[in-house]
PDB file of N, CA and C in Angstrom:
ATOM      1  N   MET A   1      -4.864  -9.289 155.139  1.00  0.00           N
ATOM      2  CA  MET A   1      -4.880  -7.851 155.340  1.00  0.00           C
ATOM      3  C   MET A   1      -3.729  -7.431 156.248  1.00  0.00           C
ATOM      4  N   HIS A   2      -3.446  -8.263 157.246  1.00  0.00           N
ATOM      5  CA  HIS A   2      -2.328  -7.982 158.146  1.00  0.00           C
ATOM      6  C   HIS A   2      -1.039  -7.773 157.365  1.00  0.00           C
ATOM      7  N   HIS A   3      -0.791  -8.653 156.403  1.00  0.00           N
ATOM      8  CA  HIS A   3       0.422  -8.540 155.594  1.00  0.00           C
ATOM      9  C   HIS A   3       0.413  -7.262 154.759  1.00  0.00           C
ATOM     10  N   ALA A   4      -0.730  -6.902 154.215  1.00  0.00           N
ATOM     11  CA  ALA A   4      -0.832  -5.683 153.409  1.00  0.00           C
ATOM     12  C   ALA A   4      -0.543  -4.455 154.261  1.00  0.00           C
ATOM     13  N   ILE A   5      -1.092  -4.417 155.465  1.00  0.00           N
ATOM     14  CA  ILE A   5      -0.838  -3.276 156.361  1.00  0.00           C
ATOM     15  C   ILE A   5       0.648  -3.186 156.670  1.00  0.00           C
ATOM     16  N   PHE A   6       1.248  -4.315 157.042  1.00  0.00           N
ATOM     17  CA  PHE A   6       2.666  -4.326 157.382  1.00  0.00           C
ATOM     18  C   PHE A   6       3.519  -3.939 156.171  1.00  0.00           C
ATOM     19  N   ASP A   7       3.193  -4.466 155.002  1.00  0.00           N
ATOM     20  CA  ASP A   7       3.971  -4.186 153.798  1.00  0.00           C
ATOM     21  C   ASP A   7       3.895  -2.724 153.374  1.00  0.00           C
ATOM     22  N   HIS A   8       2.776  -2.068 153.629  1.00  0.00           N
ATOM     23  CA  HIS A   8       2.568  -0.709 153.120  1.00  0.00           C
ATOM     24  C   HIS A   8       2.690   0.385 154.176  1.00  0.00           C
ATOM     25  N   LYS A   9       2.911   0.032 155.433  1.00  0.00           N
ATOM     26  CA  LYS A   9       2.881   1.017 156.512  1.00  0.00           C
ATOM     27  C   LYS A   9       3.857   2.173 156.311  1.00  0.00           C
ATOM     28  N   GLY A  10       4.942   1.944 155.620  1.00  0.00           N
ATOM     29  CA  GLY A  10       5.920   3.003 155.412  1.00  0.00           C
ATOM     30  C   GLY A  10       5.869   3.652 154.044  1.00  0.00           C
ATOM     31  N   ASP A  11       4.861   3.333 153.261  1.00  0.00           N
ATOM     32  CA  ASP A  11       4.786   3.868 151.894  1.00  0.00           C
ATOM     33  C   ASP A  11       4.647   5.380 151.853  1.00  0.00           C
ATOM     34  N   SER A  12       3.825   5.911 152.739  1.00  0.00           N
ATOM     35  CA  SER A  12       3.579   7.349 152.771  1.00  0.00           C
ATOM     36  C   SER A  12       2.969   7.711 154.125  1.00  0.00           C
ATOM     37  N   ARG A  13       2.803   8.992 154.364  1.00  0.00           N
ATOM     38  CA  ARG A  13       2.225   9.439 155.642  1.00  0.00           C
ATOM     39  C   ARG A  13       0.789   8.962 155.818  1.00  0.00           C
ATOM     40  N   ASP A  14       0.094   8.761 154.722  1.00  0.00           N
ATOM     41  CA  ASP A  14      -1.312   8.363 154.810  1.00  0.00           C
ATOM     42  C   ASP A  14      -1.528   6.887 154.468  1.00  0.00           C
ATOM     43  N   ALA A  15      -0.476   6.081 154.490  1.00  0.00           N
ATOM     44  CA  ALA A  15      -0.573   4.673 154.098  1.00  0.00           C
ATOM     45  C   ALA A  15      -1.502   3.871 154.999  1.00  0.00           C
ATOM     46  N   LEU A  16      -1.760   4.347 156.211  1.00  0.00           N
ATOM     47  CA  LEU A  16      -2.653   3.630 157.124  1.00  0.00           C
ATOM     48  C   LEU A  16      -3.930   4.407 157.402  1.00  0.00           C
ATOM     49  N   ASP A  17      -4.278   5.329 156.508  1.00  0.00           N
ATOM     50  CA  ASP A  17      -5.538   6.047 156.698  1.00  0.00           C
ATOM     51  C   ASP A  17      -6.707   5.162 156.257  1.00  0.00           C
ATOM     52  N   LYS A  18      -7.895   5.653 156.489  1.00  0.00           N
ATOM     53  CA  LYS A  18      -9.099   4.863 156.232  1.00  0.00           C
ATOM     54  C   LYS A  18      -9.191   4.419 154.769  1.00  0.00           C
ATOM     55  N   VAL A  19      -8.915   5.307 153.846  1.00  0.00           N
ATOM     56  CA  VAL A  19      -9.008   4.978 152.418  1.00  0.00           C
ATOM     57  C   VAL A  19      -8.097   3.802 152.082  1.00  0.00           C
ATOM     58  N   HIS A  20      -6.866   3.859 152.574  1.00  0.00           N
ATOM     59  CA  HIS A  20      -5.924   2.783 152.281  1.00  0.00           C
ATOM     60  C   HIS A  20      -6.313   1.489 152.989  1.00  0.00           C
ATOM     61  N   LEU A  21      -6.735   1.568 154.248  1.00  0.00           N
ATOM     62  CA  LEU A  21      -7.117   0.359 154.982  1.00  0.00           C
ATOM     63  C   LEU A  21      -8.274  -0.362 154.302  1.00  0.00           C
ATOM     64  N   VAL A  22      -9.233   0.396 153.820  1.00  0.00           N
ATOM     65  CA  VAL A  22     -10.371  -0.213 153.111  1.00  0.00           C
ATOM     66  C   VAL A  22      -9.890  -0.861 151.812  1.00  0.00           C
ATOM     67  N   ARG A  23      -8.951  -0.222 151.131  1.00  0.00           N
ATOM     68  CA  ARG A  23      -8.404  -0.805 149.903  1.00  0.00           C
ATOM     69  C   ARG A  23      -7.636  -2.090 150.215  1.00  0.00           C
ATOM     70  N   TYR A  24      -6.820  -2.081 151.283  1.00  0.00           N
ATOM     71  CA  TYR A  24      -6.100  -3.296 151.669  1.00  0.00           C
ATOM     72  C   TYR A  24      -7.087  -4.420 151.978  1.00  0.00           C
ATOM     73  N   ALA A  25      -8.196  -4.072 152.611  1.00  0.00           N
ATOM     74  CA  ALA A  25      -9.221  -5.071 152.926  1.00  0.00           C
ATOM     75  C   ALA A  25      -9.744  -5.705 151.638  1.00  0.00           C
ATOM     76  N   ALA A  26     -10.108  -4.864 150.684  1.00  0.00           N
ATOM     77  CA  ALA A  26     -10.638  -5.371 149.414  1.00  0.00           C
ATOM     78  C   ALA A  26      -9.609  -6.233 148.684  1.00  0.00           C
ATOM     79  N   ASP A  27      -8.361  -5.756 148.659  1.00  0.00           N
ATOM     80  CA  ASP A  27      -7.304  -6.474 147.946  1.00  0.00           C
ATOM     81  C   ASP A  27      -6.969  -7.823 148.589  1.00  0.00           C
ATOM     82  N   SER A  28      -7.181  -7.924 149.892  1.00  0.00           N
ATOM     83  CA  SER A  28      -6.797  -9.147 150.591  1.00  0.00           C
ATOM     84  C   SER A  28      -7.949 -10.127 150.784  1.00  0.00           C
ATOM     85  N   GLY A  29      -9.137  -9.764 150.315  1.00  0.00           N
ATOM     86  CA  GLY A  29     -10.273 -10.660 150.429  1.00  0.00           C
ATOM     87  C   GLY A  29     -11.125 -10.441 151.667  1.00  0.00           C
ATOM     88  N   ALA A  30     -10.767  -9.456 152.491  1.00  0.00           N
ATOM     89  CA  ALA A  30     -11.613  -9.105 153.637  1.00  0.00           C
ATOM     90  C   ALA A  30     -12.796  -8.279 153.127  1.00  0.00           C
ATOM     91  N   ASP A  31     -13.766  -8.077 153.980  1.00  0.00           N
ATOM     92  CA  ASP A  31     -14.958  -7.333 153.605  1.00  0.00           C
ATOM     93  C   ASP A  31     -14.700  -5.835 153.774  1.00  0.00           C
ATOM     94  N   PRO A  32     -14.485  -5.100 152.676  1.00  0.00           N
ATOM     95  CA  PRO A  32     -14.165  -3.677 152.803  1.00  0.00           C
ATOM     96  C   PRO A  32     -15.292  -2.865 153.438  1.00  0.00           C
ATOM     97  N   ALA A  33     -16.533  -3.248 153.209  1.00  0.00           N
ATOM     98  CA  ALA A  33     -17.651  -2.525 153.822  1.00  0.00           C
ATOM     99  C   ALA A  33     -17.628  -2.682 155.338  1.00  0.00           C
ATOM    100  N   GLN A  34     -17.304  -3.884 155.811  1.00  0.00           N
ATOM    101  CA  GLN A  34     -17.230  -4.116 157.255  1.00  0.00           C
ATOM    102  C   GLN A  34     -16.051  -3.367 157.867  1.00  0.00           C
ATOM    103  N   VAL A  35     -14.925  -3.364 157.175  1.00  0.00           N
ATOM    104  CA  VAL A  35     -13.758  -2.619 157.667  1.00  0.00           C
ATOM    105  C   VAL A  35     -14.100  -1.132 157.750  1.00  0.00           C
ATOM    106  N   ASN A  36     -14.748  -0.627 156.736  1.00  0.00           N
ATOM    107  CA  ASN A  36     -15.164   0.777 156.723  1.00  0.00           C
ATOM    108  C   ASN A  36     -16.083   1.082 157.909  1.00  0.00           C
ATOM    109  N   LEU A  37     -17.059   0.226 158.136  1.00  0.00           N
ATOM    110  CA  LEU A  37     -17.990   0.396 159.255  1.00  0.00           C
ATOM    111  C   LEU A  37     -17.256   0.329 160.601  1.00  0.00           C
ATOM    112  N   ASP A  38     -16.369  -0.642 160.747  1.00  0.00           N
ATOM    113  CA  ASP A  38     -15.617  -0.786 161.995  1.00  0.00           C
ATOM    114  C   ASP A  38     -14.743   0.434 162.271  1.00  0.00           C
ATOM    115  N   LEU A  39     -14.154   0.991 161.227  1.00  0.00           N
ATOM    116  CA  LEU A  39     -13.351   2.199 161.403  1.00  0.00           C
ATOM    117  C   LEU A  39     -14.227   3.387 161.779  1.00  0.00           C
ATOM    118  N   ASP A  40     -15.387   3.499 161.152  1.00  0.00           N
ATOM    119  CA  ASP A  40     -16.296   4.610 161.458  1.00  0.00           C
ATOM    120  C   ASP A  40     -16.805   4.580 162.892  1.00  0.00           C
ATOM    121  N   ASN A  41     -17.119   3.379 163.397  1.00  0.00           N
ATOM    122  CA  ASN A  41     -17.704   3.308 164.735  1.00  0.00           C
ATOM    123  C   ASN A  41     -16.689   2.994 165.833  1.00  0.00           C
ATOM    124  N   GLY A  42     -15.405   2.877 165.469  1.00  0.00           N
ATOM    125  CA  GLY A  42     -14.362   2.647 166.465  1.00  0.00           C
ATOM    126  C   GLY A  42     -14.489   1.320 167.181  1.00  0.00           C
ATOM    127  N   ARG A  43     -15.008   0.344 166.496  1.00  0.00           N
ATOM    128  CA  ARG A  43     -15.319  -0.950 167.096  1.00  0.00           C
ATOM    129  C   ARG A  43     -14.147  -1.559 167.875  1.00  0.00           C
ATOM    130  N   PHE A  44     -12.942  -1.439 167.369  1.00  0.00           N
ATOM    131  CA  PHE A  44     -11.787  -2.092 167.999  1.00  0.00           C
ATOM    132  C   PHE A  44     -10.838  -1.108 168.676  1.00  0.00           C
ATOM    133  N   GLU A  45     -11.215   0.146 168.755  1.00  0.00           N
ATOM    134  CA  GLU A  45     -10.322   1.176 169.299  1.00  0.00           C
ATOM    135  C   GLU A  45      -9.892   0.877 170.736  1.00  0.00           C
ATOM    136  N   ALA A  46     -10.811   0.529 171.603  1.00  0.00           N
ATOM    137  CA  ALA A  46     -10.471   0.249 173.005  1.00  0.00           C
ATOM    138  C   ALA A  46      -9.549  -0.965 173.104  1.00  0.00           C
ATOM    139  N   LYS A  47      -9.812  -1.995 172.321  1.00  0.00           N
ATOM    140  CA  LYS A  47      -8.983  -3.207 172.333  1.00  0.00           C
ATOM    141  C   LYS A  47      -7.565  -2.889 171.875  1.00  0.00           C
ATOM    142  N   VAL A  48      -7.437  -2.098 170.825  1.00  0.00           N
ATOM    143  CA  VAL A  48      -6.112  -1.734 170.320  1.00  0.00           C
ATOM    144  C   VAL A  48      -5.349  -0.930 171.374  1.00  0.00           C
ATOM    145  N   LYS A  49      -5.999   0.032 171.996  1.00  0.00           N
ATOM    146  CA  LYS A  49      -5.340   0.832 173.035  1.00  0.00           C
ATOM    147  C   LYS A  49      -4.896  -0.038 174.204  1.00  0.00           C
ATOM    148  N   THR A  50      -5.737  -0.976 174.614  1.00  0.00           N
ATOM    149  CA  THR A  50      -5.381  -1.897 175.697  1.00  0.00           C
ATOM    150  C   THR A  50      -4.184  -2.747 175.305  1.00  0.00           C
ATOM    151  N   ASP A  51      -4.168  -3.247 174.075  1.00  0.00           N
ATOM    152  CA  ASP A  51      -3.047  -4.068 173.610  1.00  0.00           C
ATOM    153  C   ASP A  51      -1.749  -3.260 173.547  1.00  0.00           C
ATOM    154  N   ILE A  52      -1.827  -2.005 173.138  1.00  0.00           N
ATOM    155  CA  ILE A  52      -0.633  -1.153 173.075  1.00  0.00           C
ATOM    156  C   ILE A  52      -0.060  -0.956 174.475  1.00  0.00           C
ATOM    157  N   ILE A  53      -0.920  -0.636 175.424  1.00  0.00           N
ATOM    158  CA  ILE A  53      -0.466  -0.431 176.808  1.00  0.00           C
ATOM    159  C   ILE A  53       0.134  -1.713 177.366  1.00  0.00           C
ATOM    160  N   SER A  54      -0.506  -2.833 177.114  1.00  0.00           N
ATOM    161  CA  SER A  54       0.005  -4.121 177.577  1.00  0.00           C
ATOM    162  C   SER A  54       1.376  -4.413 176.975  1.00  0.00           C
ATOM    163  N   GLY A  55       1.525  -4.136 175.704  1.00  0.00           N
ATOM    164  CA  GLY A  55       2.803  -4.358 175.039  1.00  0.00           C
ATOM    165  C   GLY A  55       3.903  -3.492 175.618  1.00  0.00           C
ATOM    166  N   ILE A  56       3.606  -2.238 175.852  1.00  0.00           N
ATOM    167  CA  ILE A  56       4.597  -1.328 176.439  1.00  0.00           C
ATOM    168  C   ILE A  56       5.016  -1.827 177.810  1.00  0.00           C
ATOM    169  N   ARG A  57       4.058  -2.238 178.606  1.00  0.00           N
ATOM    170  CA  ARG A  57       4.368  -2.757 179.950  1.00  0.00           C
ATOM    171  C   ARG A  57       5.202  -4.029 179.895  1.00  0.00           C
ATOM    172  N   SER A  58       5.069  -4.789 178.812  1.00  0.00           N
ATOM    173  CA  SER A  58       5.821  -6.041 178.667  1.00  0.00           C
ATOM    174  C   SER A  58       7.192  -5.836 178.038  1.00  0.00           C
ATOM    175  N   GLY A  59       7.499  -4.611 177.655  1.00  0.00           N
ATOM    176  CA  GLY A  59       8.794  -4.335 177.044  1.00  0.00           C
ATOM    177  C   GLY A  59       8.801  -4.372 175.535  1.00  0.00           C
ATOM    178  N   VAL A  60       7.647  -4.391 174.929  1.00  0.00           N
ATOM    179  CA  VAL A  60       7.568  -4.381 173.469  1.00  0.00           C
ATOM    180  C   VAL A  60       7.741  -2.933 172.998  1.00  0.00           C
ATOM    181  N   ASN A  61       8.756  -2.723 172.172  1.00  0.00           N
ATOM    182  CA  ASN A  61       8.978  -1.376 171.657  1.00  0.00           C
ATOM    183  C   ASN A  61       9.042  -1.347 170.137  1.00  0.00           C
ATOM    184  N   GLY A  62       8.636  -2.436 169.508  1.00  0.00           N
ATOM    185  CA  GLY A  62       8.604  -2.496 168.062  1.00  0.00           C
ATOM    186  C   GLY A  62       8.092  -3.850 167.614  1.00  0.00           C
ATOM    187  N   THR A  63       7.950  -3.994 166.311  1.00  0.00           N
ATOM    188  CA  THR A  63       7.516  -5.261 165.767  1.00  0.00           C
ATOM    189  C   THR A  63       8.562  -5.757 164.788  1.00  0.00           C
ATOM    190  N   PRO A  64       8.796  -7.017 164.736  1.00  0.00           N
ATOM    191  CA  PRO A  64       8.247  -8.007 165.652  1.00  0.00           C
ATOM    192  C   PRO A  64       9.051  -8.040 166.955  1.00  0.00           C
ATOM    193  N   THR A  65       8.416  -8.448 168.028  1.00  0.00           N
ATOM    194  CA  THR A  65       9.070  -8.716 169.302  1.00  0.00           C
ATOM    195  C   THR A  65       8.721 -10.147 169.683  1.00  0.00           C
ATOM    196  N   PHE A  66       9.724 -10.911 170.064  1.00  0.00           N
ATOM    197  CA  PHE A  66       9.520 -12.309 170.397  1.00  0.00           C
ATOM    198  C   PHE A  66       9.779 -12.545 171.877  1.00  0.00           C
ATOM    199  N   PHE A  67       8.928 -13.349 172.477  1.00  0.00           N
ATOM    200  CA  PHE A  67       9.106 -13.786 173.851  1.00  0.00           C
ATOM    201  C   PHE A  67       9.251 -15.303 173.838  1.00  0.00           C
ATOM    202  N   ILE A  68      10.279 -15.773 174.519  1.00  0.00           N
ATOM    203  CA  ILE A  68      10.521 -17.207 174.627  1.00  0.00           C
ATOM    204  C   ILE A  68      10.469 -17.542 176.114  1.00  0.00           C
ATOM    205  N   HIS A  69       9.484 -18.309 176.498  1.00  0.00           N
ATOM    206  CA  HIS A  69       9.261 -18.631 177.915  1.00  0.00           C
ATOM    207  C   HIS A  69       9.181 -17.353 178.757  1.00  0.00           C
ATOM    208  N   GLN A  70       8.403 -16.400 178.303  1.00  0.00           N
ATOM    209  CA  GLN A  70       8.105 -15.139 178.981  1.00  0.00           C
ATOM    210  C   GLN A  70       9.307 -14.210 179.107  1.00  0.00           C
ATOM    211  N   ARG A  71      10.348 -14.477 178.355  1.00  0.00           N
ATOM    212  CA  ARG A  71      11.500 -13.583 178.343  1.00  0.00           C
ATOM    213  C   ARG A  71      11.660 -13.035 176.937  1.00  0.00           C
ATOM    214  N   ARG A  72      11.845 -11.715 176.856  1.00  0.00           N
ATOM    215  CA  ARG A  72      11.981 -11.092 175.541  1.00  0.00           C
ATOM    216  C   ARG A  72      13.298 -11.522 174.894  1.00  0.00           C
ATOM    217  N   PHE A  73      13.229 -11.921 173.637  1.00  0.00           N
ATOM    218  CA  PHE A  73      14.414 -12.281 172.868  1.00  0.00           C
ATOM    219  C   PHE A  73      15.112 -10.992 172.475  1.00  0.00           C
ATOM    220  N   GLU A  74      16.364 -10.837 172.907  1.00  0.00           N
ATOM    221  CA  GLU A  74      17.114  -9.603 172.678  1.00  0.00           C
ATOM    222  C   GLU A  74      18.010  -9.661 171.444  1.00  0.00           C
ATOM    223  N   GLY A  75      18.151 -10.837 170.878  1.00  0.00           N
ATOM    224  CA  GLY A  75      19.050 -10.990 169.732  1.00  0.00           C
ATOM    225  C   GLY A  75      18.431 -10.505 168.433  1.00  0.00           C
ATOM    226  N   ASP A  76      19.156 -10.745 167.371  1.00  0.00           N
ATOM    227  CA  ASP A  76      18.713 -10.387 166.023  1.00  0.00           C
ATOM    228  C   ASP A  76      17.862 -11.521 165.474  1.00  0.00           C
ATOM    229  N   TRP A  77      16.554 -11.303 165.408  1.00  0.00           N
ATOM    230  CA  TRP A  77      15.662 -12.373 164.976  1.00  0.00           C
ATOM    231  C   TRP A  77      15.865 -12.758 163.509  1.00  0.00           C
ATOM    232  N   THR A  78      16.529 -11.906 162.732  1.00  0.00           N
ATOM    233  CA  THR A  78      16.783 -12.259 161.334  1.00  0.00           C
ATOM    234  C   THR A  78      17.994 -13.186 161.205  1.00  0.00           C
ATOM    235  N   ASP A  79      18.762 -13.330 162.293  1.00  0.00           N
ATOM    236  CA  ASP A  79      19.867 -14.286 162.334  1.00  0.00           C
ATOM    237  C   ASP A  79      19.274 -15.620 162.771  1.00  0.00           C
ATOM    238  N   LEU A  80      18.947 -16.458 161.788  1.00  0.00           N
ATOM    239  CA  LEU A  80      18.236 -17.700 162.081  1.00  0.00           C
ATOM    240  C   LEU A  80      19.000 -18.601 163.038  1.00  0.00           C
ATOM    241  N   SER A  81      20.303 -18.612 162.941  1.00  0.00           N
ATOM    242  CA  SER A  81      21.107 -19.445 163.826  1.00  0.00           C
ATOM    243  C   SER A  81      20.983 -18.958 165.273  1.00  0.00           C
ATOM    244  N   ALA A  82      21.071 -17.653 165.488  1.00  0.00           N
ATOM    245  CA  ALA A  82      20.949 -17.092 166.835  1.00  0.00           C
ATOM    246  C   ALA A  82      19.548 -17.322 167.394  1.00  0.00           C
ATOM    247  N   PHE A  83      18.548 -17.168 166.554  1.00  0.00           N
ATOM    248  CA  PHE A  83      17.170 -17.365 166.999  1.00  0.00           C
ATOM    249  C   PHE A  83      16.927 -18.833 167.352  1.00  0.00           C
ATOM    250  N   ALA A  84      17.415 -19.726 166.508  1.00  0.00           N
ATOM    251  CA  ALA A  84      17.262 -21.168 166.772  1.00  0.00           C
ATOM    252  C   ALA A  84      17.999 -21.564 168.053  1.00  0.00           C
ATOM    253  N   THR A  85      19.173 -20.999 168.271  1.00  0.00           N
ATOM    254  CA  THR A  85      19.925 -21.286 169.495  1.00  0.00           C
ATOM    255  C   THR A  85      19.146 -20.826 170.721  1.00  0.00           C
ATOM    256  N   ALA A  86      18.545 -19.651 170.650  1.00  0.00           N
ATOM    257  CA  ALA A  86      17.743 -19.147 171.775  1.00  0.00           C
ATOM    258  C   ALA A  86      16.555 -20.074 172.051  1.00  0.00           C
ATOM    259  N   LEU A  87      15.918 -20.564 170.999  1.00  0.00           N
ATOM    260  CA  LEU A  87      14.804 -21.501 171.176  1.00  0.00           C
ATOM    261  C   LEU A  87      15.281 -22.818 171.773  1.00  0.00           C
ATOM    262  N   ASP A  88      16.405 -23.323 171.262  1.00  0.00           N
ATOM    263  CA  ASP A  88      16.961 -24.576 171.799  1.00  0.00           C
ATOM    264  C   ASP A  88      17.338 -24.419 173.271  1.00  0.00           C
ATOM    265  N   ASP A  89      17.997 -23.302 173.605  1.00  0.00           N
ATOM    266  CA  ASP A  89      18.392 -23.059 174.994  1.00  0.00           C
ATOM    267  C   ASP A  89      17.172 -22.985 175.906  1.00  0.00           C
ATOM    268  N   ALA A  90      16.122 -22.323 175.431  1.00  0.00           N
ATOM    269  CA  ALA A  90      14.896 -22.212 176.230  1.00  0.00           C
ATOM    270  C   ALA A  90      14.253 -23.583 176.419  1.00  0.00           C
ATOM    271  N   ALA A  91      14.265 -24.401 175.374  1.00  0.00           N
ATOM    272  CA  ALA A  91      13.680 -25.744 175.474  1.00  0.00           C
ATOM    273  C   ALA A  91      14.471 -26.597 176.457  1.00  0.00           C
ATOM    274  N   LYS A  92      15.795 -26.516 176.397  1.00  0.00           N
ATOM    275  CA  LYS A  92      16.635 -27.273 177.343  1.00  0.00           C
ATOM    276  C   LYS A  92      16.393 -26.804 178.770  1.00  0.00           C
ATOM    277  N   SER A  93      16.305 -25.508 178.954  1.00  0.00           N
ATOM    278  CA  SER A  93      16.056 -24.939 180.276  1.00  0.00           C
ATOM    279  C   SER A  93      14.701 -25.385 180.811  1.00  0.00           C
ATOM    280  N   ALA A  94      13.699 -25.399 179.945  1.00  0.00           N
ATOM    281  CA  ALA A  94      12.351 -25.816 180.365  1.00  0.00           C
ATOM    282  C   ALA A  94      12.325 -27.293 180.727  1.00  0.00           C
ATOM    283  N   SER A  95      13.012 -28.115 179.943  1.00  0.00           N
ATOM    284  CA  SER A  95      12.988 -29.551 180.233  1.00  0.00           C
ATOM    285  C   SER A  95      13.789 -29.865 181.495  1.00  0.00           C
ATOM    286  N   THR A  96      14.834 -29.105 181.791  1.00  0.00           N
ATOM    287  CA  THR A  96      15.598 -29.287 183.018  1.00  0.00           C
ATOM    288  C   THR A  96      14.777 -28.887 184.231  1.00  0.00           C
ATOM    289  N   ALA A  97      14.012 -27.803 184.086  1.00  0.00           N
ATOM    290  CA  ALA A  97      13.174 -27.330 185.200  1.00  0.00           C
ATOM    291  C   ALA A  97      12.056 -28.305 185.506  1.00  0.00           C
ATOM    292  N   VAL A  98      11.528 -28.973 184.480  1.00  0.00           N
ATOM    293  CA  VAL A  98      10.423 -29.919 184.661  1.00  0.00           C
ATOM    294  C   VAL A  98      10.937 -31.256 185.193  1.00  0.00           C
ATOM    295  N   GLY A  99      12.045 -31.709 184.635  1.00  0.00           N
ATOM    296  CA  GLY A  99      12.531 -33.048 184.936  1.00  0.00           C
ATOM    297  C   GLY A  99      13.474 -33.045 186.054  1.00  0.00           C
TER     298      GLY A  99
END
């Protein structure tokens, strides 16, 4: 369902409304009745709001955002070479700090 939400989020203004979310649930094998109930009763609303605030405080301003050893990756994550270099550098730095 996560992939369906991400794939369709920009389809239209109502792509993330209740009707669509329930359909994504059904299409992805999740329980659409449970998703419908959870949306009606706001079961996860407080958790989502807390996660949003936490993300903002951590410097997350979009998705995806990557943190490597608690530092936000500022490069282009679609550049696999740059991303791999950042991971390698972080691993070397961590092993130097430990050893």
